[in-house]
Amino acid sequence: MGPIYYDLSEQFLSSGIKFKYYGIARTVMEVGYELSRSSADVRFVVFSPAHDRFFEVEPRIGAASVTGVCDPNLPAEAKPLRLRYSFPEPHRLRDALYPIVSAVVRRIGLRRWRRAVPEGSLREIDLSGQVVVSLGRPKMMADYLMAMDRLGIRMRFYPLLHDMIPLHEFSHPRQSMFARNFAHDNQIVIQHSENATNELGFHQD
């Protein structure tokens, strides 16, 4: 069996104390810590929206980490602006402006990355056919799955889905934008997964 790639993008892309240190991010770092101590061939990656690529990172573990547990060892200054990669339904004005806004956001992200991350310090990695495990939020996963689709890269993707039970309540046409985006993102994740597991232990094969 080849290496397992564990996704730390949630920690890299999250903003604010709430998302960086609690809830889903906490789950990501705790599992990352345990995997770093295991005998398995586990490697750690983050997705950079500025490059539309994954990079292998050497996480800080335990006392070496600012979290005391695990972090991707990337400067906060490198964190890009976030722009959704897909939407639940078309919108004429938004879709017309999206390519322009996307180009500007990417340019800002590249500038931040180049200023904060020493050139050549991280290795871009091709995850085609590789086992990738992610415990992040669906919207983070959906973004990079769409990016990988555009590049023709198909990973062997194993996500943990959080808070899936309420999805059956999101069928009303006047549901909130959050609910529509949430259902849309989870649909993308499930469609791309080899085996999706939720917090209660249910599997999608």
C-alpha atoms as a PDB file:
ATOM      1  CA  MET A   1       0.000   0.000   0.000  1.00  0.00           C
ATOM      2  CA  GLY A   2       1.246   3.484  -0.841  1.00  0.00           C
ATOM      3  CA  PRO A   3       1.285   6.519   1.435  1.00  0.00           C
ATOM      4  CA  ILE A   4      -1.790   8.096   2.967  1.00  0.00           C
ATOM      5  CA  TYR A   5      -2.082  11.839   2.404  1.00  0.00           C
ATOM      6  CA  TYR A   6      -3.770  13.660   5.260  1.00  0.00           C
ATOM      7  CA  ASP A   7      -5.337  17.003   4.423  1.00  0.00           C
ATOM      8  CA  LEU A   8      -4.518  19.960   6.691  1.00  0.00           C
ATOM      9  CA  SER A   9      -6.150  22.548   4.411  1.00  0.00           C
ATOM     10  CA  GLU A  10      -8.831  23.267   7.016  1.00  0.00           C
ATOM     11  CA  GLN A  11      -6.225  24.701   9.357  1.00  0.00           C
ATOM     12  CA  PHE A  12      -4.411  26.632   6.637  1.00  0.00           C
ATOM     13  CA  LEU A  13      -7.519  28.182   5.081  1.00  0.00           C
ATOM     14  CA  SER A  14      -9.594  28.832   8.209  1.00  0.00           C
ATOM     15  CA  SER A  15      -9.778  32.295   9.718  1.00  0.00           C
ATOM     16  CA  GLY A  16     -10.545  33.459  13.240  1.00  0.00           C
ATOM     17  CA  ILE A  17     -10.101  31.727  16.580  1.00  0.00           C
ATOM     18  CA  LYS A  18     -13.427  29.873  16.354  1.00  0.00           C
ATOM     19  CA  PHE A  19     -12.477  28.003  13.185  1.00  0.00           C
ATOM     20  CA  LYS A  20      -8.750  27.647  13.857  1.00  0.00           C
ATOM     21  CA  TYR A  21      -8.885  26.002  17.274  1.00  0.00           C
ATOM     22  CA  TYR A  22     -12.351  24.538  17.864  1.00  0.00           C
ATOM     23  CA  GLY A  23     -14.924  22.265  16.263  1.00  0.00           C
ATOM     24  CA  ILE A  24     -13.903  20.760  12.943  1.00  0.00           C
ATOM     25  CA  ALA A  25     -10.428  22.304  13.013  1.00  0.00           C
ATOM     26  CA  ARG A  26      -9.864  20.689  16.398  1.00  0.00           C
ATOM     27  CA  THR A  27     -10.810  17.306  14.956  1.00  0.00           C
ATOM     28  CA  VAL A  28      -8.403  17.840  12.048  1.00  0.00           C
ATOM     29  CA  MET A  29      -5.484  18.685  14.334  1.00  0.00           C
ATOM     30  CA  GLU A  30      -6.156  15.901  16.863  1.00  0.00           C
ATOM     31  CA  VAL A  31      -6.287  13.235  14.147  1.00  0.00           C
ATOM     32  CA  GLY A  32      -3.223  14.775  12.503  1.00  0.00           C
ATOM     33  CA  TYR A  33      -1.362  14.483  15.786  1.00  0.00           C
ATOM     34  CA  GLU A  34      -2.252  10.820  16.198  1.00  0.00           C
ATOM     35  CA  LEU A  35      -1.342  10.021  12.593  1.00  0.00           C
ATOM     36  CA  SER A  36       2.038  11.691  13.010  1.00  0.00           C
ATOM     37  CA  ARG A  37       2.768   9.279  15.859  1.00  0.00           C
ATOM     38  CA  SER A  38       1.635   6.171  13.990  1.00  0.00           C
ATOM     39  CA  SER A  39       3.863   3.749  12.105  1.00  0.00           C
ATOM     40  CA  ALA A  40       1.887   4.233   8.876  1.00  0.00           C
ATOM     41  CA  ASP A  41       3.352   6.114   5.928  1.00  0.00           C
ATOM     42  CA  VAL A  42       1.340   9.305   6.413  1.00  0.00           C
ATOM     43  CA  ARG A  43       2.159  12.518   4.602  1.00  0.00           C
ATOM     44  CA  PHE A  44       0.536  15.882   5.143  1.00  0.00           C
ATOM     45  CA  VAL A  45      -0.779  18.218   2.462  1.00  0.00           C
ATOM     46  CA  VAL A  46      -2.545  21.552   2.055  1.00  0.00           C
ATOM     47  CA  PHE A  47      -4.431  22.947  -0.912  1.00  0.00           C
ATOM     48  CA  SER A  48      -3.433  26.382  -2.183  1.00  0.00           C
ATOM     49  CA  PRO A  49      -6.275  28.130  -4.070  1.00  0.00           C
ATOM     50  CA  ALA A  50      -3.698  30.588  -5.405  1.00  0.00           C
ATOM     51  CA  HIS A  51      -2.031  27.740  -7.319  1.00  0.00           C
ATOM     52  CA  ASP A  52      -4.941  25.280  -7.618  1.00  0.00           C
ATOM     53  CA  ARG A  53      -2.438  22.716  -6.386  1.00  0.00           C
ATOM     54  CA  PHE A  54      -1.654  20.648  -3.308  1.00  0.00           C
ATOM     55  CA  PHE A  55       1.645  21.048  -1.490  1.00  0.00           C
ATOM     56  CA  GLU A  56       3.265  18.598   0.898  1.00  0.00           C
ATOM     57  CA  VAL A  57       4.037  20.167   4.285  1.00  0.00           C
ATOM     58  CA  GLU A  58       5.997  19.208   7.385  1.00  0.00           C
ATOM     59  CA  PRO A  59       3.561  19.935  10.221  1.00  0.00           C
ATOM     60  CA  ARG A  60       4.552  21.148  13.649  1.00  0.00           C
ATOM     61  CA  ILE A  61       3.515  18.591  16.247  1.00  0.00           C
ATOM     62  CA  GLY A  62       2.875  18.811  19.987  1.00  0.00           C
ATOM     63  CA  ALA A  63       4.814  21.485  21.853  1.00  0.00           C
ATOM     64  CA  ALA A  64       6.335  22.734  18.583  1.00  0.00           C
ATOM     65  CA  SER A  65       2.876  23.756  17.345  1.00  0.00           C
ATOM     66  CA  VAL A  66       1.131  27.008  18.234  1.00  0.00           C
ATOM     67  CA  THR A  67      -1.966  24.875  18.870  1.00  0.00           C
ATOM     68  CA  GLY A  68      -0.105  22.492  21.153  1.00  0.00           C
ATOM     69  CA  VAL A  69      -1.329  19.652  18.948  1.00  0.00           C
ATOM     70  CA  CYS A  70      -0.711  19.951  15.196  1.00  0.00           C
ATOM     71  CA  ASP A  71      -0.587  22.645  12.532  1.00  0.00           C
ATOM     72  CA  PRO A  72       0.548  22.758   8.876  1.00  0.00           C
ATOM     73  CA  ASN A  73       3.589  24.935   9.625  1.00  0.00           C
ATOM     74  CA  LEU A  74       2.645  27.693   7.203  1.00  0.00           C
ATOM     75  CA  PRO A  75       2.748  31.430   7.950  1.00  0.00           C
ATOM     76  CA  ALA A  76      -0.634  33.047   8.574  1.00  0.00           C
ATOM     77  CA  GLU A  77       0.398  35.723   6.069  1.00  0.00           C
ATOM     78  CA  ALA A  78       0.219  33.119   3.277  1.00  0.00           C
ATOM     79  CA  LYS A  79      -3.502  32.476   3.785  1.00  0.00           C
ATOM     80  CA  PRO A  80      -5.426  33.408   0.616  1.00  0.00           C
ATOM     81  CA  LEU A  81      -8.777  35.079   0.201  1.00  0.00           C
ATOM     82  CA  ARG A  82     -11.534  32.542  -0.330  1.00  0.00           C
ATOM     83  CA  LEU A  83     -13.824  32.512  -3.342  1.00  0.00           C
ATOM     84  CA  ARG A  84     -16.221  29.652  -3.960  1.00  0.00           C
ATOM     85  CA  TYR A  85     -15.376  27.363  -6.888  1.00  0.00           C
ATOM     86  CA  SER A  86     -18.990  26.387  -7.626  1.00  0.00           C
ATOM     87  CA  PHE A  87     -22.552  27.402  -6.809  1.00  0.00           C
ATOM     88  CA  PRO A  88     -25.860  25.547  -6.364  1.00  0.00           C
ATOM     89  CA  GLU A  89     -27.582  27.388  -9.210  1.00  0.00           C
ATOM     90  CA  PRO A  90     -26.677  29.777 -12.042  1.00  0.00           C
ATOM     91  CA  HIS A  91     -26.822  33.559 -11.639  1.00  0.00           C
ATOM     92  CA  ARG A  92     -26.314  35.684 -14.742  1.00  0.00           C
ATOM     93  CA  LEU A  93     -24.537  38.695 -13.214  1.00  0.00           C
ATOM     94  CA  ARG A  94     -22.433  36.705 -10.764  1.00  0.00           C
ATOM     95  CA  ASP A  95     -21.373  34.209 -13.412  1.00  0.00           C
ATOM     96  CA  ALA A  96     -20.413  37.026 -15.797  1.00  0.00           C
ATOM     97  CA  LEU A  97     -18.227  38.729 -13.177  1.00  0.00           C
ATOM     98  CA  TYR A  98     -16.791  35.558 -11.672  1.00  0.00           C
ATOM     99  CA  PRO A  99     -13.785  35.118 -14.031  1.00  0.00           C
ATOM    100  CA  ILE A 100     -12.636  38.692 -13.351  1.00  0.00           C
ATOM    101  CA  VAL A 101     -13.078  38.437  -9.589  1.00  0.00           C
ATOM    102  CA  SER A 102     -11.430  35.006  -9.555  1.00  0.00           C
ATOM    103  CA  ALA A 103      -8.365  36.335 -11.391  1.00  0.00           C
ATOM    104  CA  VAL A 104      -8.000  39.212  -8.913  1.00  0.00           C
ATOM    105  CA  VAL A 105      -8.405  36.925  -5.893  1.00  0.00           C
ATOM    106  CA  ARG A 106      -5.837  34.494  -7.291  1.00  0.00           C
ATOM    107  CA  ARG A 107      -3.358  37.303  -7.939  1.00  0.00           C
ATOM    108  CA  ILE A 108      -3.705  38.480  -4.338  1.00  0.00           C
ATOM    109  CA  GLY A 109      -3.257  34.906  -3.100  1.00  0.00           C
ATOM    110  CA  LEU A 110      -0.103  34.383  -5.140  1.00  0.00           C
ATOM    111  CA  ARG A 111       1.369  37.639  -3.871  1.00  0.00           C
ATOM    112  CA  ARG A 112       0.684  36.660  -0.258  1.00  0.00           C
ATOM    113  CA  TRP A 113       2.171  33.192  -0.795  1.00  0.00           C
ATOM    114  CA  ARG A 114       5.335  34.484  -2.462  1.00  0.00           C
ATOM    115  CA  ARG A 115       5.917  37.018   0.288  1.00  0.00           C
ATOM    116  CA  ALA A 116       5.390  34.547   3.140  1.00  0.00           C
ATOM    117  CA  VAL A 117       6.591  31.151   1.866  1.00  0.00           C
ATOM    118  CA  PRO A 118      10.287  30.833   0.896  1.00  0.00           C
ATOM    119  CA  GLU A 119      10.686  29.780  -2.721  1.00  0.00           C
ATOM    120  CA  GLY A 120      11.342  26.050  -3.079  1.00  0.00           C
ATOM    121  CA  SER A 121      10.551  25.292   0.565  1.00  0.00           C
ATOM    122  CA  LEU A 122       7.412  23.275  -0.278  1.00  0.00           C
ATOM    123  CA  ARG A 123       6.947  20.548  -2.838  1.00  0.00           C
ATOM    124  CA  GLU A 124       3.954  20.588  -5.150  1.00  0.00           C
ATOM    125  CA  ILE A 125       2.421  17.131  -5.226  1.00  0.00           C
ATOM    126  CA  ASP A 126       0.313  15.264  -7.768  1.00  0.00           C
ATOM    127  CA  LEU A 127      -2.374  13.297  -5.936  1.00  0.00           C
ATOM    128  CA  SER A 128      -3.651  11.360  -8.960  1.00  0.00           C
ATOM    129  CA  GLY A 129      -4.672   7.911  -7.729  1.00  0.00           C
ATOM    130  CA  GLN A 130      -3.415   8.631  -4.217  1.00  0.00           C
ATOM    131  CA  VAL A 131      -5.326   7.974  -0.991  1.00  0.00           C
ATOM    132  CA  VAL A 132      -6.384  11.312   0.500  1.00  0.00           C
ATOM    133  CA  VAL A 133      -8.142  11.588   3.863  1.00  0.00           C
ATOM    134  CA  SER A 134      -9.923  14.802   4.814  1.00  0.00           C
ATOM    135  CA  LEU A 135     -11.858  15.820   7.910  1.00  0.00           C
ATOM    136  CA  GLY A 136     -12.387  19.457   6.916  1.00  0.00           C
ATOM    137  CA  ARG A 137     -15.545  21.409   6.219  1.00  0.00           C
ATOM    138  CA  PRO A 138     -17.417  20.401   3.053  1.00  0.00           C
ATOM    139  CA  LYS A 139     -16.984  23.829   1.469  1.00  0.00           C
ATOM    140  CA  MET A 140     -13.188  23.523   1.730  1.00  0.00           C
ATOM    141  CA  MET A 141     -13.239  20.035   0.240  1.00  0.00           C
ATOM    142  CA  ALA A 142     -15.689  20.955  -2.534  1.00  0.00           C
ATOM    143  CA  ASP A 143     -13.435  23.795  -3.693  1.00  0.00           C
ATOM    144  CA  TYR A 144     -10.354  21.662  -4.193  1.00  0.00           C
ATOM    145  CA  LEU A 145     -12.324  18.758  -5.640  1.00  0.00           C
ATOM    146  CA  MET A 146     -13.629  21.102  -8.340  1.00  0.00           C
ATOM    147  CA  ALA A 147     -10.084  22.370  -8.938  1.00  0.00           C
ATOM    148  CA  MET A 148      -8.800  18.806  -9.288  1.00  0.00           C
ATOM    149  CA  ASP A 149     -11.609  18.004 -11.750  1.00  0.00           C
ATOM    150  CA  ARG A 150     -10.505  20.873 -13.976  1.00  0.00           C
ATOM    151  CA  LEU A 151      -6.966  19.480 -13.952  1.00  0.00           C
ATOM    152  CA  GLY A 152      -8.135  15.923 -14.651  1.00  0.00           C
ATOM    153  CA  ILE A 153      -6.815  14.692 -11.297  1.00  0.00           C
ATOM    154  CA  ARG A 154      -8.817  11.974  -9.572  1.00  0.00           C
ATOM    155  CA  MET A 155      -7.832  11.123  -6.015  1.00  0.00           C
ATOM    156  CA  ARG A 156      -8.921   8.154  -3.937  1.00  0.00           C
ATOM    157  CA  PHE A 157     -10.822  10.416  -1.591  1.00  0.00           C
ATOM    158  CA  TYR A 158     -11.950   9.442   1.921  1.00  0.00           C
ATOM    159  CA  PRO A 159     -13.776  12.288   3.703  1.00  0.00           C
ATOM    160  CA  LEU A 160     -15.452  12.554   7.072  1.00  0.00           C
ATOM    161  CA  LEU A 161     -18.762  14.390   6.691  1.00  0.00           C
ATOM    162  CA  HIS A 162     -19.892  16.536   9.603  1.00  0.00           C
ATOM    163  CA  ASP A 163     -23.499  17.264  10.646  1.00  0.00           C
ATOM    164  CA  MET A 164     -25.124  15.431   7.750  1.00  0.00           C
ATOM    165  CA  ILE A 165     -28.366  14.471   9.509  1.00  0.00           C
ATOM    166  CA  PRO A 166     -30.170  17.853   8.971  1.00  0.00           C
ATOM    167  CA  LEU A 167     -29.734  17.683   5.179  1.00  0.00           C
ATOM    168  CA  HIS A 168     -33.185  16.166   4.689  1.00  0.00           C
ATOM    169  CA  GLU A 169     -34.666  19.430   6.024  1.00  0.00           C
ATOM    170  CA  PHE A 170     -33.042  21.535   3.293  1.00  0.00           C
ATOM    171  CA  SER A 171     -35.431  20.698   0.448  1.00  0.00           C
ATOM    172  CA  HIS A 172     -37.640  23.800   0.560  1.00  0.00           C
ATOM    173  CA  PRO A 173     -37.098  26.142  -2.431  1.00  0.00           C
ATOM    174  CA  ARG A 174     -36.868  29.165  -0.110  1.00  0.00           C
ATOM    175  CA  GLN A 175     -34.176  27.664   2.063  1.00  0.00           C
ATOM    176  CA  SER A 176     -31.305  29.916   3.083  1.00  0.00           C
ATOM    177  CA  MET A 177     -28.218  30.440   0.939  1.00  0.00           C
ATOM    178  CA  PHE A 178     -26.171  28.688   3.632  1.00  0.00           C
ATOM    179  CA  ALA A 179     -28.414  25.629   3.440  1.00  0.00           C
ATOM    180  CA  ARG A 180     -28.252  25.512  -0.361  1.00  0.00           C
ATOM    181  CA  ASN A 181     -24.471  25.900  -0.367  1.00  0.00           C
ATOM    182  CA  PHE A 182     -24.111  23.304   2.389  1.00  0.00           C
ATOM    183  CA  ALA A 183     -26.156  20.717   0.502  1.00  0.00           C
ATOM    184  CA  HIS A 184     -24.342  21.546  -2.751  1.00  0.00           C
ATOM    185  CA  ASP A 185     -20.900  21.151  -1.171  1.00  0.00           C
ATOM    186  CA  ASN A 186     -21.791  17.863   0.488  1.00  0.00           C
ATOM    187  CA  GLN A 187     -23.127  16.517  -2.800  1.00  0.00           C
ATOM    188  CA  ILE A 188     -19.789  17.274  -4.486  1.00  0.00           C
ATOM    189  CA  VAL A 189     -17.866  15.602  -1.669  1.00  0.00           C
ATOM    190  CA  ILE A 190     -20.021  12.463  -1.727  1.00  0.00           C
ATOM    191  CA  GLN A 191     -19.810  12.182  -5.520  1.00  0.00           C
ATOM    192  CA  HIS A 192     -16.004  12.274  -5.358  1.00  0.00           C
ATOM    193  CA  SER A 193     -15.528   9.964  -2.385  1.00  0.00           C
ATOM    194  CA  GLU A 194     -14.561   6.313  -2.470  1.00  0.00           C
ATOM    195  CA  ASN A 195     -16.051   5.927   0.974  1.00  0.00           C
ATOM    196  CA  ALA A 196     -17.654   8.736   2.960  1.00  0.00           C
ATOM    197  CA  THR A 197     -18.123   8.414   6.714  1.00  0.00           C
ATOM    198  CA  ASN A 198     -20.074  10.739   8.979  1.00  0.00           C
ATOM    199  CA  GLU A 199     -19.595  11.452  12.657  1.00  0.00           C
ATOM    200  CA  LEU A 200     -22.111   8.786  13.663  1.00  0.00           C
ATOM    201  CA  GLY A 201     -20.245   6.109  11.761  1.00  0.00           C
ATOM    202  CA  PHE A 202     -22.575   5.688   8.780  1.00  0.00           C
ATOM    203  CA  HIS A 203     -20.813   4.827   5.522  1.00  0.00           C
ATOM    204  CA  GLN A 204     -21.537   5.619   1.880  1.00  0.00           C
ATOM    205  CA  ASP A 205     -20.036   2.946  -0.357  1.00  0.00           C
END
